[in-house]
Amino acid sequence: MLALRLTRVAHPAVQLRRLTVVAASTGTGFLLLCSLGHALGHPADPSAALLRLAWCAVPLAATAYLAVAVARSDPGTRPRGGLSALGLGPARLMAVSAATTALSCAFGALLALLLFLWLRGDLPGPPFPFDGAPHTVLAARKRLPVPGTLLLLATVPAVASAAVAAALRPREPKTPPARAAGTARGTADDDREPHADGNGTAGGSGTAEGNRTAGGSEAVDGRPAAAPVADDDPGRPLPPDRSPTGLPWGIAVLAAGLTVETYAGGTGDAARTVLPGGLTAGSAPVLAGWLLTAVGLALAGPGLTHLCGRLLQAVRPGAVRLLAGRVLMAEAGRIGSPLGVLCAVASAAFAMIALHGRASGRFGPLTALGALLVAGCAVAALVTAAVEARQLRGGTTAALRRLGAPATVLRSAAALRSAALLALFAPLTWAIATLAALPLTR
């Protein structure tokens, strides 16, 4: 009931983001039902039906990724002070986010079922405009198995809500090093002998240092101790002087993926795997290499964004370059991963287009729907992260305007950030797409 009320009273922008999740779940559910229809229409070829169902994992993963991005940006489920006393702690808010995601995806799955039944001719209404297509693709003359249909439709809400619950799970805060040092010094002071005047440091009242360490409210050198933070949250803005830790892992996984693709593309005796649109890959390890490449780009995205912001501030920067670079470094953990995912999707699309130029088959409507769904989810996730980052830095922007910063400076900094990201990720996308398609075009 709480998830329904939060859904009903949400801001129109939040509702629009949830509608993108509904649209993505509708497309994914329709693709799953089409794979079921192909299996019913071609009972003598179960391997082709299983391959179609396996390819539905790509739009399913894209839908879950978009659901996680929308759930992170939902202001109604963010932890606030005092909510724990009302029973709305981090765990309860995580459950509310998962339930809201499940409701959105269930509504999209229902729309997919209605569309599928209408195209089959099972619902009253105008006939399907393409003759013969429902009989070959949707198995219009076959009876749908109810358990299998419900299982496929329940897959999208289950996977998306599980991904949201895993991404928004409560994390144990980690104590910063400064506070840990202050606590250790306070413990050492507690073990000292009292002074002759009776003002010892055992209770933390004899010296200023003892006062700081006894209550734990200040660290060493008189500086306030930072509050415990959850360092494992990938969406939390990082301090500008701290780079993300995923760049070495991302580069390693990316190199491993390209190596697997090159090695598998050079083996001519491997089993060939059919790709969507009638394309063929040299072997199944090539597809595994593509997957590793995509994961590597997603992991390296925050680090590359942070590096881009650092390069903007190099060599005596002015006010605009300094502001643009510091914002990029601070928001690398929030927008870097969606940028990496979009880079991976764009490189895969470029490689597919390059392979399609050498293939004789054509992209069918279901292949085009799947590609559009994956690309749309990647773009929507990036836009959601960018809008959320803009809202979170609204206080900083307002402070700069109160200090007299011209609006042209803010706009120039935003344009410079976009140009710097485009200059870094566009050549990277082209290079990775070329390397990914090279083993398959030889």
Protein backbone atom coordinates (compact mmCIF):
# COMPACT_ATOMS: atom_id res chain seq x y z
CA MET A 1 0.00 0.00 0.00
CA LEU A 2 2.85 2.41 0.76
CA ALA A 3 4.38 1.74 -2.66
CA LEU A 4 1.03 2.45 -4.32
CA ARG A 5 0.61 5.72 -2.44
CA LEU A 6 4.15 6.84 -3.27
CA THR A 7 3.51 6.00 -6.90
CA ARG A 8 0.27 7.98 -6.95
CA VAL A 9 1.59 11.18 -5.33
CA ALA A 10 4.98 11.25 -7.05
CA HIS A 11 6.26 14.23 -9.05
CA PRO A 12 5.46 14.23 -12.80
CA ALA A 13 9.16 13.88 -13.61
CA VAL A 14 9.36 10.80 -11.39
CA GLN A 15 6.27 9.40 -13.06
CA LEU A 16 7.86 9.96 -16.46
CA ARG A 17 10.93 8.00 -15.41
CA ARG A 18 8.72 5.18 -14.15
CA LEU A 19 6.91 5.19 -17.48
CA THR A 20 10.22 4.47 -19.17
CA VAL A 21 10.52 1.38 -16.97
CA VAL A 22 6.97 0.39 -17.96
CA ALA A 23 7.82 0.81 -21.65
CA ALA A 24 11.04 -1.21 -21.31
CA SER A 25 9.26 -4.01 -19.46
CA THR A 26 6.54 -4.02 -22.11
CA GLY A 27 9.08 -4.50 -24.88
CA THR A 28 10.98 -7.18 -22.97
CA GLY A 29 7.81 -9.06 -22.10
CA PHE A 30 6.70 -8.94 -25.72
CA LEU A 31 10.02 -10.38 -26.88
CA LEU A 32 9.71 -13.19 -24.33
CA LEU A 33 6.21 -13.98 -25.52
CA CYS A 34 7.38 -13.95 -29.13
CA SER A 35 10.02 -16.52 -28.26
CA LEU A 36 7.24 -18.65 -26.77
CA GLY A 37 5.18 -18.20 -29.93
CA HIS A 38 8.11 -19.25 -32.10
CA ALA A 39 8.55 -22.37 -29.98
CA LEU A 40 4.87 -23.23 -30.38
CA GLY A 41 4.94 -22.59 -34.12
CA HIS A 42 8.13 -24.64 -34.70
CA PRO A 43 7.97 -27.63 -32.35
CA ALA A 44 10.46 -29.58 -34.49
CA ASP A 45 13.26 -27.02 -33.92
CA PRO A 46 13.69 -26.56 -30.15
CA SER A 47 17.28 -25.30 -30.44
CA ALA A 48 16.20 -22.22 -32.42
CA ALA A 49 13.49 -21.46 -29.86
CA LEU A 50 16.00 -21.82 -27.03
CA LEU A 51 18.41 -19.50 -28.83
CA ARG A 52 15.70 -16.87 -29.23
CA LEU A 53 14.87 -17.14 -25.56
CA ALA A 54 18.54 -16.82 -24.64
CA TRP A 55 18.89 -13.63 -26.68
CA CYS A 56 16.04 -12.13 -24.63
CA ALA A 57 18.49 -11.98 -21.71
CA VAL A 58 20.10 -8.89 -23.27
CA PRO A 59 16.96 -6.67 -23.21
CA LEU A 60 16.05 -8.20 -19.84
CA ALA A 61 19.39 -7.04 -18.40
CA ALA A 62 18.92 -3.61 -19.98
CA THR A 63 15.47 -3.29 -18.41
CA ALA A 64 16.82 -4.26 -14.98
CA TYR A 65 19.65 -1.73 -15.35
CA LEU A 66 17.17 1.04 -16.21
CA ALA A 67 14.98 0.04 -13.25
CA VAL A 68 17.96 0.35 -10.91
CA ALA A 69 18.84 3.79 -12.31
CA VAL A 70 15.24 5.01 -11.88
CA ALA A 71 15.03 3.60 -8.36
CA ARG A 72 18.24 5.37 -7.35
CA SER A 73 16.87 8.72 -8.53
CA ASP A 74 13.48 8.34 -6.81
CA PRO A 75 13.33 11.05 -4.11
CA GLY A 76 10.46 9.36 -2.30
CA THR A 77 12.54 6.38 -1.23
CA ARG A 78 15.72 8.15 -0.11
CA PRO A 79 16.66 7.77 3.57
CA ARG A 80 15.84 10.83 5.68
CA GLY A 81 16.38 11.72 9.28
CA GLY A 82 13.57 10.62 11.59
CA LEU A 83 12.05 8.04 9.26
CA SER A 84 13.62 5.15 11.14
CA ALA A 85 11.50 6.02 14.17
CA LEU A 86 8.42 5.56 12.00
CA GLY A 87 9.56 2.16 10.80
CA LEU A 88 10.93 3.46 7.47
CA GLY A 89 14.57 2.64 7.83
CA PRO A 90 16.95 1.88 4.97
CA ALA A 91 15.79 -1.73 4.72
CA ARG A 92 12.13 -0.73 4.57
CA LEU A 93 12.79 1.95 1.96
CA MET A 94 14.72 -0.59 -0.10
CA ALA A 95 11.70 -2.90 0.06
CA VAL A 96 9.43 -0.03 -1.01
CA SER A 97 11.68 0.70 -4.01
CA ALA A 98 11.67 -2.96 -5.00
CA ALA A 99 7.88 -3.12 -4.68
CA THR A 100 7.45 0.04 -6.76
CA THR A 101 9.69 -1.41 -9.44
CA ALA A 102 7.76 -4.67 -9.39
CA LEU A 103 4.48 -2.79 -9.84
CA SER A 104 5.82 -0.81 -12.82
CA CYS A 105 7.24 -3.92 -14.48
CA ALA A 106 4.07 -5.93 -13.81
CA PHE A 107 2.01 -3.23 -15.50
CA GLY A 108 4.38 -3.32 -18.47
CA ALA A 109 4.14 -7.12 -18.63
CA LEU A 110 0.34 -6.85 -18.66
CA LEU A 111 0.52 -4.41 -21.57
CA ALA A 112 2.84 -6.81 -23.39
CA LEU A 113 0.37 -9.65 -22.91
CA LEU A 114 -2.52 -7.56 -24.23
CA LEU A 115 -0.48 -6.49 -27.26
CA PHE A 116 0.59 -10.07 -27.92
CA LEU A 117 -2.96 -11.37 -27.70
CA TRP A 118 -4.25 -8.61 -29.96
CA LEU A 119 -1.62 -9.34 -32.61
CA ARG A 120 -2.56 -13.02 -32.47
CA GLY A 121 -6.21 -12.14 -33.01
CA ASP A 122 -7.35 -13.46 -29.62
CA LEU A 123 -8.86 -10.12 -28.59
CA PRO A 124 -11.75 -8.28 -30.25
CA GLY A 125 -10.70 -5.40 -32.43
CA PRO A 126 -9.38 -4.55 -35.89
CA PRO A 127 -7.51 -7.40 -37.62
CA PHE A 128 -3.77 -7.58 -37.77
CA PRO A 129 -2.53 -5.53 -40.77
CA PHE A 130 0.10 -8.03 -42.03
CA ASP A 131 -1.22 -11.20 -43.59
CA GLY A 132 0.43 -14.43 -42.47
CA ALA A 133 2.74 -12.87 -39.88
CA PRO A 134 0.75 -13.97 -36.80
CA HIS A 135 0.81 -17.59 -37.98
CA THR A 136 4.57 -17.74 -38.50
CA VAL A 137 5.85 -15.54 -35.65
CA LEU A 138 3.17 -15.52 -32.96
CA ALA A 139 1.65 -18.99 -33.48
CA ALA A 140 -1.84 -17.53 -33.83
CA ARG A 141 -3.47 -20.92 -34.35
CA LYS A 142 -1.81 -22.50 -31.32
CA ARG A 143 -3.16 -22.44 -27.79
CA LEU A 144 -0.93 -20.57 -25.35
CA PRO A 145 0.18 -22.57 -22.29
CA VAL A 146 -0.95 -20.60 -19.26
CA PRO A 147 1.88 -21.66 -16.89
CA GLY A 148 4.60 -20.89 -19.42
CA THR A 149 3.03 -17.53 -20.30
CA LEU A 150 2.75 -16.47 -16.66
CA LEU A 151 6.29 -17.64 -15.94
CA LEU A 152 7.75 -15.59 -18.78
CA LEU A 153 5.73 -12.52 -17.82
CA ALA A 154 6.76 -12.82 -14.16
CA THR A 155 10.43 -12.95 -15.12
CA VAL A 156 10.70 -9.22 -15.84
CA PRO A 157 9.24 -7.95 -12.51
CA ALA A 158 11.17 -10.56 -10.55
CA VAL A 159 14.54 -9.79 -12.13
CA ALA A 160 14.07 -6.00 -12.00
CA SER A 161 12.90 -5.93 -8.37
CA ALA A 162 15.73 -8.27 -7.34
CA ALA A 163 18.27 -6.00 -9.07
CA VAL A 164 16.83 -2.94 -7.30
CA ALA A 165 16.91 -4.71 -3.94
CA ALA A 166 20.52 -5.76 -4.48
CA ALA A 167 21.61 -2.28 -5.61
CA LEU A 168 19.83 -0.38 -2.81
CA ARG A 169 20.53 -2.80 0.03
CA PRO A 170 21.65 -1.14 3.28
CA ARG A 171 25.42 -1.02 3.59
CA GLU A 172 27.50 -0.86 6.72
CA PRO A 173 29.18 2.56 7.02
CA LYS A 174 32.94 2.67 7.17
CA THR A 175 34.74 4.91 9.67
CA PRO A 176 37.12 7.39 7.99
CA PRO A 177 40.82 7.12 8.91
CA ALA A 178 40.85 10.49 10.71
CA ARG A 179 38.14 9.42 13.10
CA ALA A 180 39.79 6.06 13.65
CA ALA A 181 43.07 7.80 14.53
CA GLY A 182 41.29 10.11 16.95
CA THR A 183 39.57 7.20 18.64
CA ALA A 184 42.84 5.33 18.99
CA ARG A 185 44.51 8.38 20.54
CA GLY A 186 41.61 8.84 22.93
CA THR A 187 41.97 5.21 24.03
CA ALA A 188 45.66 5.73 24.70
CA ASP A 189 44.89 8.83 26.75
CA ASP A 190 42.39 6.86 28.83
CA ASP A 191 45.16 4.48 29.89
CA ARG A 192 47.44 7.25 31.18
CA GLU A 193 47.99 7.99 34.87
CA PRO A 194 46.20 11.10 36.25
CA HIS A 195 48.28 14.24 36.71
CA ALA A 196 49.22 15.52 40.09
CA ASP A 197 46.60 18.24 40.02
CA GLY A 198 43.87 15.65 39.54
CA ASN A 199 42.95 16.83 36.08
CA GLY A 200 43.81 13.63 34.21
CA THR A 201 42.79 12.64 30.78
CA ALA A 202 41.01 9.46 31.75
CA GLY A 203 37.62 11.07 31.46
CA GLY A 204 38.61 13.24 28.57
CA SER A 205 38.35 16.50 30.57
CA GLY A 206 41.98 17.36 31.32
CA THR A 207 43.09 18.48 27.89
CA ALA A 208 41.51 19.68 24.69
CA GLU A 209 42.77 16.53 23.06
CA GLY A 210 40.94 14.42 25.59
CA ASN A 211 37.78 16.44 25.07
CA ARG A 212 37.99 15.78 21.37
CA THR A 213 38.53 12.06 21.63
CA ALA A 214 36.21 11.25 24.49
CA GLY A 215 33.01 12.28 22.76
CA GLY A 216 34.15 11.22 19.31
CA SER A 217 32.72 14.40 17.80
CA GLU A 218 36.08 15.77 16.63
CA ALA A 219 39.18 14.16 15.23
CA VAL A 220 42.79 15.11 15.60
CA ASP A 221 44.06 18.67 15.01
CA GLY A 222 40.67 20.11 16.01
CA ARG A 223 38.92 19.14 12.79
CA PRO A 224 35.44 17.64 12.93
CA ALA A 225 35.34 13.93 12.28
CA ALA A 226 33.54 12.96 9.13
CA ALA A 227 30.33 11.01 9.44
CA PRO A 228 30.49 7.34 8.55
CA VAL A 229 29.90 6.79 4.87
CA ALA A 230 29.04 3.79 2.81
CA ASP A 231 32.01 3.57 0.44
CA ASP A 232 30.48 0.68 -1.48
CA ASP A 233 27.64 2.77 -2.93
CA PRO A 234 28.53 3.27 -6.63
CA GLY A 235 26.03 6.11 -7.08
CA ARG A 236 27.35 8.27 -4.22
CA PRO A 237 29.30 11.37 -5.35
CA LEU A 238 32.98 10.93 -4.56
CA PRO A 239 35.28 13.65 -3.20
CA PRO A 240 36.97 15.40 -6.14
CA ASP A 241 40.44 14.34 -4.95
CA ARG A 242 39.53 10.65 -4.76
CA SER A 243 39.46 8.64 -7.95
CA PRO A 244 37.15 5.63 -8.46
CA THR A 245 38.75 2.26 -7.85
CA GLY A 246 37.21 0.41 -10.77
CA LEU A 247 39.42 1.75 -13.58
CA PRO A 248 42.18 -0.90 -13.33
CA TRP A 249 39.60 -3.69 -13.12
CA GLY A 250 37.69 -2.26 -16.06
CA ILE A 251 40.81 -2.04 -18.21
CA ALA A 252 41.76 -5.60 -17.27
CA VAL A 253 38.30 -6.99 -18.10
CA LEU A 254 38.19 -4.98 -21.34
CA ALA A 255 41.58 -6.31 -22.41
CA ALA A 256 40.50 -9.84 -21.51
CA GLY A 257 37.35 -9.49 -23.61
CA LEU A 258 39.25 -8.23 -26.66
CA THR A 259 41.78 -11.04 -26.23
CA VAL A 260 39.04 -13.67 -26.09
CA GLU A 261 37.41 -12.24 -29.21
CA THR A 262 40.68 -12.21 -31.14
CA TYR A 263 41.61 -15.74 -30.10
CA ALA A 264 38.13 -17.14 -30.81
CA GLY A 265 37.88 -15.34 -34.13
CA GLY A 266 41.11 -16.97 -35.30
CA THR A 267 39.89 -20.53 -34.72
CA GLY A 268 38.09 -21.75 -37.81
CA ASP A 269 36.86 -25.06 -36.41
CA ALA A 270 34.68 -23.58 -33.67
CA ALA A 271 30.94 -24.02 -33.64
CA ARG A 272 29.14 -21.14 -35.26
CA THR A 273 26.48 -19.25 -33.29
CA VAL A 274 23.56 -17.49 -34.93
CA LEU A 275 23.20 -13.80 -34.07
CA PRO A 276 19.99 -11.76 -34.37
CA GLY A 277 19.16 -10.68 -37.89
CA GLY A 278 20.65 -13.75 -39.56
CA LEU A 279 24.25 -12.91 -38.62
CA THR A 280 26.71 -15.54 -37.49
CA ALA A 281 29.52 -15.29 -34.99
CA GLY A 282 32.67 -17.33 -35.44
CA SER A 283 32.17 -19.08 -32.12
CA ALA A 284 30.43 -18.79 -28.80
CA PRO A 285 33.62 -17.42 -27.11
CA VAL A 286 33.31 -14.37 -29.35
CA LEU A 287 30.00 -13.59 -27.69
CA ALA A 288 31.64 -14.10 -24.31
CA GLY A 289 34.32 -11.64 -25.39
CA TRP A 290 31.65 -9.09 -26.28
CA LEU A 291 30.12 -9.53 -22.84
CA LEU A 292 33.48 -9.07 -21.11
CA THR A 293 34.10 -5.96 -23.20
CA ALA A 294 30.77 -4.46 -22.15
CA VAL A 295 31.42 -5.23 -18.48
CA GLY A 296 34.90 -3.72 -18.73
CA LEU A 297 33.54 -0.48 -20.19
CA ALA A 298 30.91 -0.25 -17.45
CA LEU A 299 33.58 -0.73 -14.78
CA ALA A 300 36.02 1.72 -16.37
CA GLY A 301 33.41 4.43 -17.00
CA PRO A 302 33.67 6.19 -13.61
CA GLY A 303 37.46 6.15 -13.71
CA LEU A 304 37.54 7.53 -17.25
CA THR A 305 35.09 10.28 -16.29
CA HIS A 306 37.22 11.19 -13.28
CA LEU A 307 40.33 11.22 -15.48
CA CYS A 308 38.55 13.48 -17.96
CA GLY A 309 37.76 15.94 -15.19
CA ARG A 310 41.35 15.87 -13.99
CA LEU A 311 42.66 16.56 -17.49
CA LEU A 312 40.35 19.55 -17.81
CA GLN A 313 42.07 21.17 -14.83
CA ALA A 314 45.61 20.57 -16.08
CA VAL A 315 48.01 23.33 -17.13
CA ARG A 316 46.86 26.47 -15.27
CA PRO A 317 43.07 26.23 -15.68
CA GLY A 318 40.75 29.19 -15.69
CA ALA A 319 37.48 29.49 -13.78
CA VAL A 320 35.43 27.68 -16.41
CA ARG A 321 37.83 24.77 -16.82
CA LEU A 322 38.32 24.46 -13.08
CA LEU A 323 34.57 24.39 -12.42
CA ALA A 324 33.91 21.90 -15.22
CA GLY A 325 36.72 19.60 -14.11
CA ARG A 326 35.76 19.63 -10.44
CA VAL A 327 32.14 18.82 -11.27
CA LEU A 328 33.18 15.93 -13.49
CA MET A 329 35.46 14.53 -10.80
CA ALA A 330 32.76 14.82 -8.15
CA GLU A 331 30.06 13.21 -10.32
CA ALA A 332 32.23 10.48 -11.81
CA GLY A 333 30.70 7.83 -9.58
CA ARG A 334 27.18 8.77 -10.64
CA ILE A 335 27.38 9.35 -14.40
CA GLY A 336 30.48 7.32 -15.22
CA SER A 337 28.86 3.89 -15.17
CA PRO A 338 25.92 4.90 -17.44
CA LEU A 339 28.43 6.47 -19.81
CA GLY A 340 30.40 3.23 -19.92
CA VAL A 341 27.25 1.20 -20.55
CA LEU A 342 26.18 3.54 -23.36
CA CYS A 343 29.68 3.28 -24.83
CA ALA A 344 29.39 -0.52 -24.74
CA VAL A 345 25.96 -0.46 -26.41
CA ALA A 346 27.17 1.94 -29.11
CA SER A 347 30.25 -0.16 -29.83
CA ALA A 348 28.10 -3.31 -30.06
CA ALA A 349 25.71 -1.55 -32.44
CA PHE A 350 28.62 -0.37 -34.59
CA ALA A 351 30.02 -3.90 -34.71
CA MET A 352 26.61 -5.34 -35.63
CA ILE A 353 26.23 -2.85 -38.45
CA ALA A 354 29.68 -3.73 -39.74
CA LEU A 355 28.80 -7.42 -39.67
CA HIS A 356 25.43 -6.79 -41.30
CA GLY A 357 27.17 -5.23 -44.29
CA ARG A 358 28.85 -8.61 -44.93
CA ALA A 359 25.77 -10.75 -44.20
CA SER A 360 22.98 -11.63 -46.59
CA GLY A 361 20.15 -11.56 -44.05
CA ARG A 362 18.10 -8.61 -42.94
CA PHE A 363 17.23 -7.32 -39.50
CA GLY A 364 13.74 -8.47 -38.63
CA PRO A 365 11.20 -6.47 -36.62
CA LEU A 366 11.94 -8.37 -33.40
CA THR A 367 15.68 -7.80 -33.79
CA ALA A 368 15.07 -4.11 -34.40
CA LEU A 369 12.79 -3.98 -31.35
CA GLY A 370 15.43 -5.62 -29.17
CA ALA A 371 18.19 -3.31 -30.39
CA LEU A 372 15.98 -0.24 -29.92
CA LEU A 373 15.04 -1.43 -26.44
CA VAL A 374 18.65 -1.92 -25.33
CA ALA A 375 19.78 1.42 -26.78
CA GLY A 376 16.79 3.21 -25.30
CA CYS A 377 17.44 1.79 -21.84
CA ALA A 378 21.09 2.86 -21.99
CA VAL A 379 20.19 6.41 -23.08
CA ALA A 380 17.38 6.68 -20.51
CA ALA A 381 19.69 5.51 -17.71
CA LEU A 382 22.29 8.11 -18.68
CA VAL A 383 19.69 10.89 -18.87
CA THR A 384 18.28 9.84 -15.48
CA ALA A 385 21.73 9.93 -13.89
CA ALA A 386 22.50 13.33 -15.47
CA VAL A 387 19.22 14.83 -14.26
CA GLU A 388 19.78 13.45 -10.77
CA ALA A 389 23.32 14.87 -10.69
CA ARG A 390 22.02 18.26 -11.79
CA GLN A 391 19.42 18.25 -9.03
CA LEU A 392 21.98 17.28 -6.40
CA ARG A 393 24.33 20.10 -7.34
CA GLY A 394 21.48 22.62 -7.35
CA GLY A 395 22.63 24.04 -4.00
CA THR A 396 26.14 24.62 -5.33
CA THR A 397 24.76 26.31 -8.44
CA ALA A 398 22.53 28.57 -6.33
CA ALA A 399 25.49 29.49 -4.11
CA LEU A 400 27.58 30.42 -7.15
CA ARG A 401 24.79 32.63 -8.44
CA ARG A 402 24.48 34.36 -5.07
CA LEU A 403 28.21 35.04 -5.19
CA GLY A 404 27.75 36.80 -8.53
CA ALA A 405 28.85 34.11 -10.98
CA PRO A 406 27.49 34.93 -14.45
CA ALA A 407 25.08 32.51 -16.03
CA THR A 408 27.36 32.30 -19.07
CA VAL A 409 30.10 30.79 -16.89
CA LEU A 410 27.78 28.02 -15.71
CA ARG A 411 26.57 27.32 -19.24
CA SER A 412 30.12 27.34 -20.58
CA ALA A 413 31.20 24.88 -17.88
CA ALA A 414 28.31 22.56 -18.77
CA ALA A 415 29.14 22.73 -22.47
CA LEU A 416 32.81 22.11 -21.74
CA ARG A 417 31.95 19.02 -19.68
CA SER A 418 29.83 17.61 -22.48
CA ALA A 419 32.49 18.33 -25.09
CA ALA A 420 35.22 16.74 -22.98
CA LEU A 421 33.19 13.57 -22.39
CA LEU A 422 32.33 13.36 -26.09
CA ALA A 423 35.98 13.83 -27.07
CA LEU A 424 37.02 11.00 -24.76
CA PHE A 425 34.25 8.42 -25.20
CA ALA A 426 33.52 8.81 -28.93
CA PRO A 427 36.98 7.70 -30.15
CA LEU A 428 37.04 5.02 -27.46
CA THR A 429 33.70 3.65 -28.67
CA TRP A 430 34.86 3.59 -32.28
CA ALA A 431 38.16 1.89 -31.43
CA ILE A 432 36.53 -0.81 -29.30
CA ALA A 433 33.82 -1.43 -31.89
CA THR A 434 36.44 -1.82 -34.61
CA LEU A 435 38.49 -4.22 -32.51
CA ALA A 436 35.35 -6.18 -31.54
CA ALA A 437 34.20 -6.59 -35.15
CA LEU A 438 37.67 -7.32 -36.56
CA PRO A 439 37.79 -11.06 -35.67
CA LEU A 440 34.36 -11.62 -37.25
CA THR A 441 34.99 -9.78 -40.51
CA ARG A 442 38.16 -11.64 -41.46
